[in-house]
C-alpha atoms as a PDB file:
ATOM      1  CA  MET A   1       0.227   0.127   0.211  1.00  0.00           C
ATOM      2  CA  LYS A   2       1.177   3.407  -0.819  1.00  0.00           C
ATOM      3  CA  ILE A   3       1.225   5.421   2.338  1.00  0.00           C
ATOM      4  CA  ARG A   4       2.595   9.038   3.071  1.00  0.00           C
ATOM      5  CA  LEU A   5       5.289   9.609   5.449  1.00  0.00           C
ATOM      6  CA  PRO A   6       6.625  13.380   5.196  1.00  0.00           C
ATOM      7  CA  PHE A   7      10.170  14.208   5.994  1.00  0.00           C
ATOM      8  CA  TYR A   8      12.203  17.708   6.160  1.00  0.00           C
ATOM      9  CA  PRO A   9      13.795  18.735   3.282  1.00  0.00           C
ATOM     10  CA  GLU A  10      17.149  18.675   5.303  1.00  0.00           C
ATOM     11  CA  PHE A  11      17.058  14.645   5.065  1.00  0.00           C
ATOM     12  CA  ARG A  12      16.987  14.485   1.606  1.00  0.00           C
ATOM     13  CA  GLU A  13      20.512  13.868   0.724  1.00  0.00           C
ATOM     14  CA  ARG A  14      20.678  11.460   3.386  1.00  0.00           C
ATOM     15  CA  MET A  15      17.842   9.505   2.331  1.00  0.00           C
ATOM     16  CA  LEU A  16      18.930   9.591  -1.216  1.00  0.00           C
ATOM     17  CA  SER A  17      22.368   8.323  -0.383  1.00  0.00           C
ATOM     18  CA  GLY A  18      21.237   5.678   1.708  1.00  0.00           C
ATOM     19  CA  GLN A  19      22.733   6.936   5.002  1.00  0.00           C
ATOM     20  CA  LYS A  20      19.322   7.777   6.573  1.00  0.00           C
ATOM     21  CA  THR A  21      17.397   4.143   6.229  1.00  0.00           C
ATOM     22  CA  GLY A  22      15.116   4.878   9.340  1.00  0.00           C
ATOM     23  CA  THR A  23      12.443   6.896  11.061  1.00  0.00           C
ATOM     24  CA  SER A  24      11.532   7.145  14.734  1.00  0.00           C
ATOM     25  CA  ARG A  25       7.715   8.670  15.024  1.00  0.00           C
ATOM     26  CA  THR A  26       5.077   8.941  17.504  1.00  0.00           C
ATOM     27  CA  ARG A  27       2.466   7.003  16.031  1.00  0.00           C
ATOM     28  CA  LYS A  28       2.734   4.074  13.594  1.00  0.00           C
ATOM     29  CA  PHE A  29       2.308   5.171   9.714  1.00  0.00           C
ATOM     30  CA  GLY A  30       2.933   1.864   7.751  1.00  0.00           C
ATOM     31  CA  ASP A  31       3.709  -1.842   7.772  1.00  0.00           C
ATOM     32  CA  VAL A  32       6.120  -3.919   5.984  1.00  0.00           C
ATOM     33  CA  GLY A  33       5.678  -3.774   2.541  1.00  0.00           C
ATOM     34  CA  ASP A  34       4.108  -0.685   2.621  1.00  0.00           C
ATOM     35  CA  THR A  35       5.871   2.478   0.182  1.00  0.00           C
ATOM     36  CA  PHE A  36       6.354   5.922   0.249  1.00  0.00           C
ATOM     37  CA  ASP A  37       7.335   8.654  -2.083  1.00  0.00           C
ATOM     38  CA  ALA A  38      10.104  11.164  -0.669  1.00  0.00           C
ATOM     39  CA  PHE A  39      12.411  13.522  -2.787  1.00  0.00           C
ATOM     40  CA  GLY A  40      11.086  12.129  -6.045  1.00  0.00           C
ATOM     41  CA  GLU A  41      12.049   8.713  -5.297  1.00  0.00           C
ATOM     42  CA  VAL A  42      10.008   5.663  -3.645  1.00  0.00           C
ATOM     43  CA  PHE A  43      11.246   3.998  -0.548  1.00  0.00           C
ATOM     44  CA  GLU A  44       9.937   0.608   1.220  1.00  0.00           C
ATOM     45  CA  ILE A  45       9.062  -0.267   4.627  1.00  0.00           C
ATOM     46  CA  VAL A  46      11.111  -3.456   5.336  1.00  0.00           C
ATOM     47  CA  SER A  47      10.604  -3.171   9.239  1.00  0.00           C
ATOM     48  CA  VAL A  48       8.448  -1.708  11.937  1.00  0.00           C
ATOM     49  CA  ASN A  49       8.661  -2.215  15.758  1.00  0.00           C
ATOM     50  CA  LEU A  50       7.524  -0.443  18.889  1.00  0.00           C
ATOM     51  CA  MET A  51      10.660   0.695  21.065  1.00  0.00           C
ATOM     52  CA  GLN A  52      11.840   3.070  23.228  1.00  0.00           C
ATOM     53  CA  LEU A  53      12.805   6.235  22.229  1.00  0.00           C
ATOM     54  CA  GLY A  54      16.615   5.848  24.365  1.00  0.00           C
ATOM     55  CA  ASP A  55      17.135   2.498  22.497  1.00  0.00           C
ATOM     56  CA  VAL A  56      16.446   4.340  19.126  1.00  0.00           C
ATOM     57  CA  LYS A  57      19.170   6.513  20.408  1.00  0.00           C
ATOM     58  CA  GLN A  58      21.784   3.925  21.591  1.00  0.00           C
ATOM     59  CA  TYR A  59      21.523   1.520  18.960  1.00  0.00           C
ATOM     60  CA  HIS A  60      19.412   3.063  15.538  1.00  0.00           C
ATOM     61  CA  PHE A  61      21.280   6.769  15.422  1.00  0.00           C
ATOM     62  CA  LYS A  62      23.264   5.809  12.295  1.00  0.00           C
ATOM     63  CA  HIS A  63      19.792   4.473  10.612  1.00  0.00           C
ATOM     64  CA  GLU A  64      18.405   7.744  11.617  1.00  0.00           C
ATOM     65  CA  GLY A  65      21.451   9.353   9.446  1.00  0.00           C
ATOM     66  CA  PHE A  66      23.097  10.796  12.657  1.00  0.00           C
ATOM     67  CA  SER A  67      26.866  10.191  13.126  1.00  0.00           C
ATOM     68  CA  SER A  68      26.728  10.141  16.992  1.00  0.00           C
ATOM     69  CA  PRO A  69      23.488   9.621  19.464  1.00  0.00           C
ATOM     70  CA  GLU A  70      23.486  13.175  20.170  1.00  0.00           C
ATOM     71  CA  GLY A  71      22.736  14.691  17.135  1.00  0.00           C
ATOM     72  CA  PHE A  72      19.471  12.327  16.816  1.00  0.00           C
ATOM     73  CA  VAL A  73      18.709  13.991  19.995  1.00  0.00           C
ATOM     74  CA  ALA A  74      19.062  17.041  18.939  1.00  0.00           C
ATOM     75  CA  ILE A  75      17.028  17.186  16.199  1.00  0.00           C
ATOM     76  CA  TRP A  76      13.999  14.930  17.998  1.00  0.00           C
ATOM     77  CA  LYS A  77      14.256  17.713  20.690  1.00  0.00           C
ATOM     78  CA  ARG A  78      14.000  20.473  17.534  1.00  0.00           C
ATOM     79  CA  ILE A  79      10.929  18.459  16.205  1.00  0.00           C
ATOM     80  CA  HIS A  80       9.917  17.928  19.335  1.00  0.00           C
ATOM     81  CA  PRO A  81       9.985  20.731  21.357  1.00  0.00           C
ATOM     82  CA  ILE A  82       7.186  20.742  24.119  1.00  0.00           C
ATOM     83  CA  ALA A  83       7.479  17.016  25.119  1.00  0.00           C
ATOM     84  CA  GLY A  84      11.508  16.944  24.523  1.00  0.00           C
ATOM     85  CA  PHE A  85      13.692  13.478  24.439  1.00  0.00           C
ATOM     86  CA  ARG A  86      12.296  11.251  26.908  1.00  0.00           C
ATOM     87  CA  PRO A  87      14.361   8.597  26.887  1.00  0.00           C
ATOM     88  CA  PHE A  88      11.247   5.913  27.936  1.00  0.00           C
ATOM     89  CA  GLN A  89       8.654   7.040  25.499  1.00  0.00           C
ATOM     90  CA  LYS A  90       7.267   4.345  23.192  1.00  0.00           C
ATOM     91  CA  VAL A  91       7.837   5.361  19.536  1.00  0.00           C
ATOM     92  CA  TRP A  92       7.573   3.341  16.301  1.00  0.00           C
ATOM     93  CA  TYR A  93      10.767   2.826  14.447  1.00  0.00           C
ATOM     94  CA  HIS A  94      10.576   2.531  10.569  1.00  0.00           C
ATOM     95  CA  GLU A  95      13.328   0.829   8.773  1.00  0.00           C
ATOM     96  CA  PHE A  96      12.711   1.132   5.094  1.00  0.00           C
ATOM     97  CA  ARG A  97      15.011   0.672   1.564  1.00  0.00           C
ATOM     98  CA  LEU A  98      15.333   3.036  -1.532  1.00  0.00           C
ATOM     99  CA  VAL A  99      13.404   1.169  -4.391  1.00  0.00           C
ATOM    100  CA  PRO A 100      15.579   1.302  -7.579  1.00  0.00           C
ATOM    101  CA  ALA A 101      13.716   2.865 -10.280  1.00  0.00           C
ATOM    102  CA  ASN A 102      13.456   0.347 -12.144  1.00  0.00           C
ATOM    103  CA  ASN A 103      11.554  -1.853  -9.688  1.00  0.00           C
ATOM    104  CA  HIS A 104       8.745   0.527  -9.101  1.00  0.00           C
ATOM    105  CA  VAL A 105       5.797  -1.080  -9.213  1.00  0.00           C
ATOM    106  CA  GLN A 106       3.858   0.083 -12.518  1.00  0.00           C
ATOM    107  CA  PRO A 107       0.423  -0.281 -12.830  1.00  0.00           C
ATOM    108  CA  THR A 108      -0.852  -3.132 -14.758  1.00  0.00           C
ATOM    109  CA  ARG A 109      -2.451  -3.325 -18.098  1.00  0.00           C
ATOM    110  CA  ARG A 110      -6.167  -4.798 -18.730  1.00  0.00           C
ATOM    111  CA  SER A 111      -6.346  -6.441 -21.818  1.00  0.00           C
ATOM    112  CA  ALA A 112      -8.738  -4.284 -22.967  1.00  0.00           C
ATOM    113  CA  ASP A 113      -5.661  -2.073 -22.683  1.00  0.00           C
ATOM    114  CA  VAL A 114      -3.300  -3.772 -24.694  1.00  0.00           C
ATOM    115  CA  GLY A 115      -3.354  -2.764 -28.864  1.00  0.00           C
ATOM    116  CA  HIS A 116      -2.968  -5.908 -30.980  1.00  0.00           C
END
């Protein structure tokens, strides 16, 4: 299923280069196999797990596109200025992959649409 999963423009290069392959959200956006468009490309969700934000910081900061846990915490605090970073908060961690352009799903043609 095609879903909507928005990203800030600053993540464009990280996602297109494969540096960012995960995103933590306060709600579940999709399931394994769902796809979404971002920055002119198609991405596929490969796993979805409910976990504590502190575990994302410790084990998945690189997949979130950061070189350090502190970088992940800083962006989380910027995006969530009221709640801030709470290590025991439950979040949905969505892991994804860039779908190569030649593997994008194309609509199937009905036999009536095919010229003979």
